[in-house]
């Protein structure tokens, strides 16, 4: 994706030099996979889709270190890229959604306070509807490349656009309706959580179509986004983490579903094509 290495968005808040104290965690490995997403929902967090990805989660959650300030080389470039994508996505939505209200992106390291309580990099990028901010530890982009097999800056752009899709859902009331559902209604391959996440994937695809029409994409960019969408499918993450797939516990959708809905948004270029709830 074409960008501007010197870009600076007023909607990016940089907290990477702050070191927020991490909440002490109880529980063990058995609780990790089943509860971390549910607890996130109870606090209002809408997380990207790493539940069950043990290779990423176990170190930060159960006591291992995560990338801190010593690994911040090149992050000014990351801030410029995040800001560029953020502003482009939001301009796209402002042109299409009446009374669109801009979100912000908070860059942080390891853990930070949010309007939804303490947020940790262990859960991956997430959106907090209470303060209308996307929270991102940019070291996740390296994880996306090395551990999830999704390289390229448009794979990163897809992640940002997906989280901003949750902001659209906040503005139109969809996320509030889903958040008040019971746990049984949320989880599972046909659950409301999956439908919410697939809609955010579709919204990311709509933005990708707009960026493509405006000449911002380069050859291979769409493939990068589709690879990223597939890399965080519940079935793939569960298989990597445990060797088994349990659709009844899904929260984000399968790899095939995530690819399908991103493509549906891209191919139509219209938000109305993203009704995953019917």
C-alpha atoms as a PDB file:
ATOM      1  CA  UNK A   1       0.000   0.000   0.000  1.00  0.00           C
ATOM      2  CA  UNK A   2       1.260   3.446  -0.879  1.00  0.00           C
ATOM      3  CA  UNK A   3       1.638   5.685   2.135  1.00  0.00           C
ATOM      4  CA  UNK A   4       3.657   8.558   3.559  1.00  0.00           C
ATOM      5  CA  UNK A   5       6.512   7.792   5.960  1.00  0.00           C
ATOM      6  CA  UNK A   6       6.283  11.321   7.368  1.00  0.00           C
ATOM      7  CA  UNK A   7       2.532  11.293   7.902  1.00  0.00           C
ATOM      8  CA  UNK A   8       1.235  12.421  11.288  1.00  0.00           C
ATOM      9  CA  UNK A   9      -2.410  12.010  12.271  1.00  0.00           C
ATOM     10  CA  UNK A  10      -3.929  14.050  15.066  1.00  0.00           C
ATOM     11  CA  UNK A  11      -6.082  11.020  15.871  1.00  0.00           C
ATOM     12  CA  UNK A  12      -3.109   8.856  16.895  1.00  0.00           C
ATOM     13  CA  UNK A  13      -2.245   8.955  20.596  1.00  0.00           C
ATOM     14  CA  UNK A  14       1.216   7.568  21.362  1.00  0.00           C
ATOM     15  CA  UNK A  15       1.650   6.020  24.818  1.00  0.00           C
ATOM     16  CA  UNK A  16       4.544   3.734  24.027  1.00  0.00           C
ATOM     17  CA  UNK A  17       6.829   5.449  26.502  1.00  0.00           C
ATOM     18  CA  UNK A  18       4.319   4.895  29.315  1.00  0.00           C
ATOM     19  CA  UNK A  19       4.518   1.729  31.383  1.00  0.00           C
ATOM     20  CA  UNK A  20       1.103   1.000  32.818  1.00  0.00           C
ATOM     21  CA  UNK A  21       1.049  -1.544  35.670  1.00  0.00           C
ATOM     22  CA  UNK A  22      -0.393  -4.864  34.541  1.00  0.00           C
ATOM     23  CA  UNK A  23      -3.274  -6.373  36.410  1.00  0.00           C
ATOM     24  CA  UNK A  24      -2.268  -9.560  38.137  1.00  0.00           C
ATOM     25  CA  UNK A  25      -3.892 -12.548  36.535  1.00  0.00           C
ATOM     26  CA  UNK A  26      -5.285 -15.559  38.282  1.00  0.00           C
ATOM     27  CA  UNK A  27      -6.358 -18.721  36.634  1.00  0.00           C
ATOM     28  CA  UNK A  28      -4.375 -21.045  34.461  1.00  0.00           C
ATOM     29  CA  UNK A  29      -4.164 -22.477  31.017  1.00  0.00           C
ATOM     30  CA  UNK A  30      -7.636 -23.997  31.125  1.00  0.00           C
ATOM     31  CA  UNK A  31      -9.216 -20.618  31.805  1.00  0.00           C
ATOM     32  CA  UNK A  32      -7.182 -18.801  29.204  1.00  0.00           C
ATOM     33  CA  UNK A  33      -8.788 -20.040  26.025  1.00  0.00           C
ATOM     34  CA  UNK A  34     -12.380 -20.132  27.207  1.00  0.00           C
ATOM     35  CA  UNK A  35     -12.631 -16.974  29.300  1.00  0.00           C
ATOM     36  CA  UNK A  36     -10.325 -14.290  27.966  1.00  0.00           C
ATOM     37  CA  UNK A  37     -12.675 -13.300  25.171  1.00  0.00           C
ATOM     38  CA  UNK A  38     -15.758 -13.461  27.394  1.00  0.00           C
ATOM     39  CA  UNK A  39     -14.093 -11.319  30.046  1.00  0.00           C
ATOM     40  CA  UNK A  40     -13.119  -8.892  27.352  1.00  0.00           C
ATOM     41  CA  UNK A  41     -16.763  -8.620  26.325  1.00  0.00           C
ATOM     42  CA  UNK A  42     -17.859  -8.021  29.903  1.00  0.00           C
ATOM     43  CA  UNK A  43     -15.403  -5.102  30.032  1.00  0.00           C
ATOM     44  CA  UNK A  44     -16.496  -3.844  26.635  1.00  0.00           C
ATOM     45  CA  UNK A  45     -13.397  -4.820  24.657  1.00  0.00           C
ATOM     46  CA  UNK A  46     -13.827  -6.058  21.090  1.00  0.00           C
ATOM     47  CA  UNK A  47     -10.636  -7.967  20.386  1.00  0.00           C
ATOM     48  CA  UNK A  48      -9.142  -8.839  17.042  1.00  0.00           C
ATOM     49  CA  UNK A  49      -9.233 -12.609  17.027  1.00  0.00           C
ATOM     50  CA  UNK A  50      -6.261 -14.234  18.716  1.00  0.00           C
ATOM     51  CA  UNK A  51      -8.151 -16.348  21.221  1.00  0.00           C
ATOM     52  CA  UNK A  52      -6.717 -19.847  21.098  1.00  0.00           C
ATOM     53  CA  UNK A  53      -3.425 -18.693  19.580  1.00  0.00           C
ATOM     54  CA  UNK A  54      -1.271 -20.129  22.322  1.00  0.00           C
ATOM     55  CA  UNK A  55       2.030 -19.230  20.718  1.00  0.00           C
ATOM     56  CA  UNK A  56       1.140 -15.567  21.036  1.00  0.00           C
ATOM     57  CA  UNK A  57      -0.912 -15.507  24.218  1.00  0.00           C
ATOM     58  CA  UNK A  58       0.897 -17.720  26.680  1.00  0.00           C
ATOM     59  CA  UNK A  59       4.015 -15.624  27.172  1.00  0.00           C
ATOM     60  CA  UNK A  60       2.372 -12.265  27.954  1.00  0.00           C
ATOM     61  CA  UNK A  61      -0.611 -13.617  29.905  1.00  0.00           C
ATOM     62  CA  UNK A  62       1.143 -16.225  32.005  1.00  0.00           C
ATOM     63  CA  UNK A  63       4.185 -14.210  32.900  1.00  0.00           C
ATOM     64  CA  UNK A  64       6.498 -14.023  29.886  1.00  0.00           C
ATOM     65  CA  UNK A  65       7.694 -10.676  28.673  1.00  0.00           C
ATOM     66  CA  UNK A  66       6.410  -8.875  25.638  1.00  0.00           C
ATOM     67  CA  UNK A  67       8.172  -6.443  23.383  1.00  0.00           C
ATOM     68  CA  UNK A  68       8.867  -3.178  25.189  1.00  0.00           C
ATOM     69  CA  UNK A  69      10.621   0.102  24.513  1.00  0.00           C
ATOM     70  CA  UNK A  70      13.889  -1.589  23.563  1.00  0.00           C
ATOM     71  CA  UNK A  71      12.198  -2.843  20.392  1.00  0.00           C
ATOM     72  CA  UNK A  72      10.825   0.507  19.294  1.00  0.00           C
ATOM     73  CA  UNK A  73      13.235   1.014  16.418  1.00  0.00           C
ATOM     74  CA  UNK A  74      11.217   1.780  13.339  1.00  0.00           C
ATOM     75  CA  UNK A  75       8.043   2.536  15.250  1.00  0.00           C
ATOM     76  CA  UNK A  76       7.951   6.151  14.037  1.00  0.00           C
ATOM     77  CA  UNK A  77       7.422   4.650  10.598  1.00  0.00           C
ATOM     78  CA  UNK A  78       4.746   2.427  12.107  1.00  0.00           C
ATOM     79  CA  UNK A  79       3.031   5.452  13.651  1.00  0.00           C
ATOM     80  CA  UNK A  80       3.043   7.221  10.284  1.00  0.00           C
ATOM     81  CA  UNK A  81       1.534   4.165   8.585  1.00  0.00           C
ATOM     82  CA  UNK A  82      -1.113   3.628  11.252  1.00  0.00           C
ATOM     83  CA  UNK A  83      -2.083   7.294  11.087  1.00  0.00           C
ATOM     84  CA  UNK A  84      -2.233   7.259   7.303  1.00  0.00           C
ATOM     85  CA  UNK A  85      -4.533   4.225   7.216  1.00  0.00           C
ATOM     86  CA  UNK A  86      -6.608   5.539  10.111  1.00  0.00           C
ATOM     87  CA  UNK A  87      -7.287   8.859   8.418  1.00  0.00           C
ATOM     88  CA  UNK A  88      -8.008   7.266   5.060  1.00  0.00           C
ATOM     89  CA  UNK A  89     -10.485   4.771   6.517  1.00  0.00           C
ATOM     90  CA  UNK A  90     -12.212   7.479   8.505  1.00  0.00           C
ATOM     91  CA  UNK A  91     -12.431   9.830   5.535  1.00  0.00           C
ATOM     92  CA  UNK A  92     -14.068   6.988   3.625  1.00  0.00           C
ATOM     93  CA  UNK A  93     -16.656   6.477   6.371  1.00  0.00           C
ATOM     94  CA  UNK A  94     -17.245  10.213   6.837  1.00  0.00           C
ATOM     95  CA  UNK A  95     -18.137  10.431   3.147  1.00  0.00           C
ATOM     96  CA  UNK A  96     -20.651   7.584   3.484  1.00  0.00           C
ATOM     97  CA  UNK A  97     -22.035   7.658   7.012  1.00  0.00           C
ATOM     98  CA  UNK A  98     -24.095  10.688   8.099  1.00  0.00           C
ATOM     99  CA  UNK A  99     -22.807  12.351  11.276  1.00  0.00           C
ATOM    100  CA  UNK A 100     -19.785  10.070  11.415  1.00  0.00           C
ATOM    101  CA  UNK A 101     -17.790  10.610  14.628  1.00  0.00           C
ATOM    102  CA  UNK A 102     -14.050  10.014  14.397  1.00  0.00           C
ATOM    103  CA  UNK A 103     -12.318   7.357  16.490  1.00  0.00           C
ATOM    104  CA  UNK A 104      -8.739   7.486  17.730  1.00  0.00           C
ATOM    105  CA  UNK A 105      -5.936   4.935  17.766  1.00  0.00           C
ATOM    106  CA  UNK A 106      -3.777   4.539  20.869  1.00  0.00           C
ATOM    107  CA  UNK A 107      -0.308   3.084  20.358  1.00  0.00           C
ATOM    108  CA  UNK A 108       1.023   1.451  23.511  1.00  0.00           C
ATOM    109  CA  UNK A 109       3.530  -1.100  24.778  1.00  0.00           C
ATOM    110  CA  UNK A 110       2.569  -4.125  26.855  1.00  0.00           C
ATOM    111  CA  UNK A 111      -0.423  -2.687  28.759  1.00  0.00           C
ATOM    112  CA  UNK A 112      -2.397   0.520  29.084  1.00  0.00           C
ATOM    113  CA  UNK A 113      -5.492   1.906  30.750  1.00  0.00           C
ATOM    114  CA  UNK A 114      -8.614   2.153  28.600  1.00  0.00           C
ATOM    115  CA  UNK A 115     -12.233   3.166  28.961  1.00  0.00           C
ATOM    116  CA  UNK A 116     -12.922  -0.567  29.265  1.00  0.00           C
ATOM    117  CA  UNK A 117     -10.386  -1.223  32.023  1.00  0.00           C
ATOM    118  CA  UNK A 118      -6.808  -2.419  31.647  1.00  0.00           C
ATOM    119  CA  UNK A 119      -5.884  -3.480  28.135  1.00  0.00           C
ATOM    120  CA  UNK A 120      -2.992  -5.819  27.366  1.00  0.00           C
ATOM    121  CA  UNK A 121      -1.097  -6.550  24.191  1.00  0.00           C
ATOM    122  CA  UNK A 122      -1.682 -10.262  24.840  1.00  0.00           C
ATOM    123  CA  UNK A 123      -5.172 -10.058  23.337  1.00  0.00           C
ATOM    124  CA  UNK A 124      -3.973  -8.359  20.169  1.00  0.00           C
ATOM    125  CA  UNK A 125      -5.472  -5.151  18.751  1.00  0.00           C
ATOM    126  CA  UNK A 126      -8.838  -4.226  20.232  1.00  0.00           C
ATOM    127  CA  UNK A 127     -11.537  -1.565  20.148  1.00  0.00           C
ATOM    128  CA  UNK A 128     -13.063  -0.072  23.284  1.00  0.00           C
ATOM    129  CA  UNK A 129     -16.537   1.334  22.570  1.00  0.00           C
ATOM    130  CA  UNK A 130     -16.616   3.199  25.885  1.00  0.00           C
ATOM    131  CA  UNK A 131     -13.927   5.656  24.797  1.00  0.00           C
ATOM    132  CA  UNK A 132     -14.163   5.013  21.023  1.00  0.00           C
ATOM    133  CA  UNK A 133     -10.503   4.125  20.677  1.00  0.00           C
ATOM    134  CA  UNK A 134      -8.588   1.363  18.948  1.00  0.00           C
ATOM    135  CA  UNK A 135      -5.680   0.084  21.049  1.00  0.00           C
ATOM    136  CA  UNK A 136      -2.660  -1.295  19.246  1.00  0.00           C
ATOM    137  CA  UNK A 137       0.732  -2.545  20.337  1.00  0.00           C
ATOM    138  CA  UNK A 138       2.520  -2.237  17.008  1.00  0.00           C
ATOM    139  CA  UNK A 139       4.788  -5.182  17.812  1.00  0.00           C
ATOM    140  CA  UNK A 140       1.695  -7.180  16.848  1.00  0.00           C
ATOM    141  CA  UNK A 141       2.519  -6.441  13.217  1.00  0.00           C
ATOM    142  CA  UNK A 142       5.714  -8.474  13.551  1.00  0.00           C
ATOM    143  CA  UNK A 143       3.697 -11.277  15.151  1.00  0.00           C
ATOM    144  CA  UNK A 144       1.276 -11.076  12.253  1.00  0.00           C
ATOM    145  CA  UNK A 145       4.160 -11.621   9.855  1.00  0.00           C
ATOM    146  CA  UNK A 146       6.233 -14.215  11.697  1.00  0.00           C
ATOM    147  CA  UNK A 147       3.744 -16.246  13.733  1.00  0.00           C
ATOM    148  CA  UNK A 148       0.583 -15.926  11.714  1.00  0.00           C
ATOM    149  CA  UNK A 149       2.144 -15.962   8.256  1.00  0.00           C
ATOM    150  CA  UNK A 150       0.559 -12.706   7.078  1.00  0.00           C
ATOM    151  CA  UNK A 151       3.301 -10.333   5.873  1.00  0.00           C
ATOM    152  CA  UNK A 152       2.946  -6.982   4.148  1.00  0.00           C
ATOM    153  CA  UNK A 153       1.703  -3.557   5.101  1.00  0.00           C
ATOM    154  CA  UNK A 154      -1.751  -4.120   3.639  1.00  0.00           C
ATOM    155  CA  UNK A 155      -2.208  -7.029   6.017  1.00  0.00           C
ATOM    156  CA  UNK A 156      -1.573  -4.447   8.735  1.00  0.00           C
ATOM    157  CA  UNK A 157      -3.990  -2.030   7.081  1.00  0.00           C
ATOM    158  CA  UNK A 158      -6.651  -4.742   7.150  1.00  0.00           C
ATOM    159  CA  UNK A 159      -6.228  -5.065  10.938  1.00  0.00           C
ATOM    160  CA  UNK A 160      -6.689  -1.322  11.432  1.00  0.00           C
ATOM    161  CA  UNK A 161      -9.692  -1.197   9.097  1.00  0.00           C
ATOM    162  CA  UNK A 162     -11.257  -4.192  10.854  1.00  0.00           C
ATOM    163  CA  UNK A 163     -11.021  -2.464  14.234  1.00  0.00           C
ATOM    164  CA  UNK A 164     -12.510   0.703  12.780  1.00  0.00           C
ATOM    165  CA  UNK A 165     -15.332  -1.479  11.520  1.00  0.00           C
ATOM    166  CA  UNK A 166     -16.151  -2.041  15.176  1.00  0.00           C
ATOM    167  CA  UNK A 167     -16.356   1.733  15.543  1.00  0.00           C
ATOM    168  CA  UNK A 168     -19.029   1.812  12.848  1.00  0.00           C
ATOM    169  CA  UNK A 169     -20.886  -0.855  14.809  1.00  0.00           C
ATOM    170  CA  UNK A 170     -20.631   1.289  17.923  1.00  0.00           C
ATOM    171  CA  UNK A 171     -22.058   4.292  16.097  1.00  0.00           C
ATOM    172  CA  UNK A 172     -25.046   2.424  14.652  1.00  0.00           C
ATOM    173  CA  UNK A 173     -25.816   0.548  17.881  1.00  0.00           C
ATOM    174  CA  UNK A 174     -24.922  -2.935  16.643  1.00  0.00           C
ATOM    175  CA  UNK A 175     -22.144  -3.564  19.145  1.00  0.00           C
ATOM    176  CA  UNK A 176     -24.310  -2.434  22.064  1.00  0.00           C
ATOM    177  CA  UNK A 177     -27.026  -4.900  21.099  1.00  0.00           C
ATOM    178  CA  UNK A 178     -24.543  -7.730  20.786  1.00  0.00           C
ATOM    179  CA  UNK A 179     -22.731  -6.887  24.006  1.00  0.00           C
ATOM    180  CA  UNK A 180     -25.914  -7.302  26.018  1.00  0.00           C
ATOM    181  CA  UNK A 181     -26.476 -10.812  24.693  1.00  0.00           C
ATOM    182  CA  UNK A 182     -25.911 -13.846  26.886  1.00  0.00           C
ATOM    183  CA  UNK A 183     -22.764 -15.904  26.657  1.00  0.00           C
ATOM    184  CA  UNK A 184     -24.648 -18.707  24.941  1.00  0.00           C
ATOM    185  CA  UNK A 185     -25.875 -16.280  22.278  1.00  0.00           C
ATOM    186  CA  UNK A 186     -22.391 -14.895  21.732  1.00  0.00           C
ATOM    187  CA  UNK A 187     -20.291 -17.994  21.257  1.00  0.00           C
ATOM    188  CA  UNK A 188     -20.315 -20.626  18.577  1.00  0.00           C
ATOM    189  CA  UNK A 189     -20.007 -20.618  14.817  1.00  0.00           C
ATOM    190  CA  UNK A 190     -23.483 -19.103  14.444  1.00  0.00           C
ATOM    191  CA  UNK A 191     -23.166 -16.836  17.459  1.00  0.00           C
ATOM    192  CA  UNK A 192     -23.572 -13.083  17.554  1.00  0.00           C
ATOM    193  CA  UNK A 193     -19.900 -12.539  18.269  1.00  0.00           C
ATOM    194  CA  UNK A 194     -18.944 -14.275  15.027  1.00  0.00           C
ATOM    195  CA  UNK A 195     -21.510 -12.244  13.102  1.00  0.00           C
ATOM    196  CA  UNK A 196     -20.115  -9.029  14.576  1.00  0.00           C
ATOM    197  CA  UNK A 197     -16.545  -9.913  13.652  1.00  0.00           C
ATOM    198  CA  UNK A 198     -17.443 -11.002  10.134  1.00  0.00           C
ATOM    199  CA  UNK A 199     -19.260  -7.721   9.590  1.00  0.00           C
ATOM    200  CA  UNK A 200     -16.113  -5.840  10.643  1.00  0.00           C
ATOM    201  CA  UNK A 201     -14.173  -7.917   8.100  1.00  0.00           C
ATOM    202  CA  UNK A 202     -16.714  -6.963   5.454  1.00  0.00           C
ATOM    203  CA  UNK A 203     -16.403  -3.279   6.331  1.00  0.00           C
ATOM    204  CA  UNK A 204     -12.628  -3.596   5.952  1.00  0.00           C
ATOM    205  CA  UNK A 205     -13.247  -5.008   2.485  1.00  0.00           C
ATOM    206  CA  UNK A 206     -15.475  -2.054   1.563  1.00  0.00           C
ATOM    207  CA  UNK A 207     -12.688   0.322   2.528  1.00  0.00           C
ATOM    208  CA  UNK A 208     -10.163  -1.763   0.564  1.00  0.00           C
ATOM    209  CA  UNK A 209     -12.326  -1.365  -2.545  1.00  0.00           C
ATOM    210  CA  UNK A 210     -12.353   2.397  -2.060  1.00  0.00           C
ATOM    211  CA  UNK A 211      -8.581   2.514  -1.587  1.00  0.00           C
ATOM    212  CA  UNK A 212      -8.111   0.392  -4.704  1.00  0.00           C
ATOM    213  CA  UNK A 213     -10.248   2.725  -6.810  1.00  0.00           C
ATOM    214  CA  UNK A 214      -8.180   5.666  -5.625  1.00  0.00           C
ATOM    215  CA  UNK A 215      -4.928   4.025  -6.666  1.00  0.00           C
ATOM    216  CA  UNK A 216      -3.550   3.439  -3.173  1.00  0.00           C
ATOM    217  CA  UNK A 217      -3.070  -0.301  -3.531  1.00  0.00           C
ATOM    218  CA  UNK A 218      -0.116  -2.068  -5.051  1.00  0.00           C
ATOM    219  CA  UNK A 219       0.008  -5.496  -6.714  1.00  0.00           C
ATOM    220  CA  UNK A 220      -0.536  -8.215  -4.143  1.00  0.00           C
ATOM    221  CA  UNK A 221      -2.098  -5.977  -1.500  1.00  0.00           C
ATOM    222  CA  UNK A 222      -5.509  -7.618  -1.587  1.00  0.00           C
ATOM    223  CA  UNK A 223      -3.901 -11.034  -1.285  1.00  0.00           C
ATOM    224  CA  UNK A 224      -2.092  -9.788   1.825  1.00  0.00           C
ATOM    225  CA  UNK A 225      -5.371  -8.763   3.435  1.00  0.00           C
ATOM    226  CA  UNK A 226      -7.087 -12.033   2.526  1.00  0.00           C
ATOM    227  CA  UNK A 227      -4.135 -13.987   3.938  1.00  0.00           C
ATOM    228  CA  UNK A 228      -4.352 -11.969   7.148  1.00  0.00           C
ATOM    229  CA  UNK A 229      -8.092 -12.593   7.424  1.00  0.00           C
ATOM    230  CA  UNK A 230      -7.561 -16.320   6.992  1.00  0.00           C
ATOM    231  CA  UNK A 231      -4.653 -16.390   9.437  1.00  0.00           C
ATOM    232  CA  UNK A 232      -6.873 -15.358  12.350  1.00  0.00           C
ATOM    233  CA  UNK A 233      -9.782 -17.691  11.661  1.00  0.00           C
ATOM    234  CA  UNK A 234     -10.914 -19.517  14.787  1.00  0.00           C
ATOM    235  CA  UNK A 235     -10.431 -22.924  13.210  1.00  0.00           C
ATOM    236  CA  UNK A 236      -6.847 -22.184  12.199  1.00  0.00           C
ATOM    237  CA  UNK A 237      -5.918 -20.680  15.569  1.00  0.00           C
ATOM    238  CA  UNK A 238      -7.458 -23.553  17.500  1.00  0.00           C
ATOM    239  CA  UNK A 239      -5.756 -26.144  15.333  1.00  0.00           C
ATOM    240  CA  UNK A 240      -2.393 -24.438  15.845  1.00  0.00           C
ATOM    241  CA  UNK A 241      -2.870 -24.096  19.588  1.00  0.00           C
ATOM    242  CA  UNK A 242      -4.454 -27.423  20.526  1.00  0.00           C
ATOM    243  CA  UNK A 243      -4.563 -29.609  17.436  1.00  0.00           C
ATOM    244  CA  UNK A 244      -8.364 -29.681  17.518  1.00  0.00           C
ATOM    245  CA  UNK A 245     -11.189 -27.480  16.250  1.00  0.00           C
ATOM    246  CA  UNK A 246     -14.212 -26.697  18.436  1.00  0.00           C
ATOM    247  CA  UNK A 247     -16.793 -24.638  16.507  1.00  0.00           C
ATOM    248  CA  UNK A 248     -19.008 -24.342  19.580  1.00  0.00           C
ATOM    249  CA  UNK A 249     -16.383 -22.048  21.148  1.00  0.00           C
ATOM    250  CA  UNK A 250     -15.785 -19.805  18.130  1.00  0.00           C
ATOM    251  CA  UNK A 251     -15.928 -16.054  18.575  1.00  0.00           C
ATOM    252  CA  UNK A 252     -14.603 -14.663  15.271  1.00  0.00           C
ATOM    253  CA  UNK A 253     -15.442 -17.123  12.503  1.00  0.00           C
ATOM    254  CA  UNK A 254     -13.535 -19.611  10.424  1.00  0.00           C
ATOM    255  CA  UNK A 255     -10.746 -18.729   8.018  1.00  0.00           C
ATOM    256  CA  UNK A 256     -13.085 -19.367   5.088  1.00  0.00           C
ATOM    257  CA  UNK A 257     -15.778 -17.126   6.558  1.00  0.00           C
ATOM    258  CA  UNK A 258     -13.380 -14.280   7.281  1.00  0.00           C
ATOM    259  CA  UNK A 259     -12.027 -14.411   3.736  1.00  0.00           C
ATOM    260  CA  UNK A 260     -15.550 -14.617   2.317  1.00  0.00           C
ATOM    261  CA  UNK A 261     -16.822 -11.531   4.108  1.00  0.00           C
ATOM    262  CA  UNK A 262     -13.747  -9.447   3.378  1.00  0.00           C
ATOM    263  CA  UNK A 263     -14.186 -10.316  -0.290  1.00  0.00           C
ATOM    264  CA  UNK A 264     -17.934  -9.590  -0.108  1.00  0.00           C
ATOM    265  CA  UNK A 265     -17.183  -6.083   1.120  1.00  0.00           C
ATOM    266  CA  UNK A 266     -14.486  -5.551  -1.472  1.00  0.00           C
ATOM    267  CA  UNK A 267     -16.428  -6.943  -4.400  1.00  0.00           C
ATOM    268  CA  UNK A 268     -19.550  -4.905  -3.638  1.00  0.00           C
ATOM    269  CA  UNK A 269     -17.848  -1.786  -2.331  1.00  0.00           C
ATOM    270  CA  UNK A 270     -21.001  -1.075  -0.339  1.00  0.00           C
ATOM    271  CA  UNK A 271     -21.709  -1.137   3.387  1.00  0.00           C
ATOM    272  CA  UNK A 272     -25.178  -2.550   2.777  1.00  0.00           C
ATOM    273  CA  UNK A 273     -23.567  -5.770   1.529  1.00  0.00           C
ATOM    274  CA  UNK A 274     -22.247  -6.424   5.050  1.00  0.00           C
ATOM    275  CA  UNK A 275     -25.386  -7.611   6.837  1.00  0.00           C
ATOM    276  CA  UNK A 276     -24.003 -10.747   8.465  1.00  0.00           C
ATOM    277  CA  UNK A 277     -26.879 -10.957  10.930  1.00  0.00           C
ATOM    278  CA  UNK A 278     -29.527 -12.200   8.483  1.00  0.00           C
END
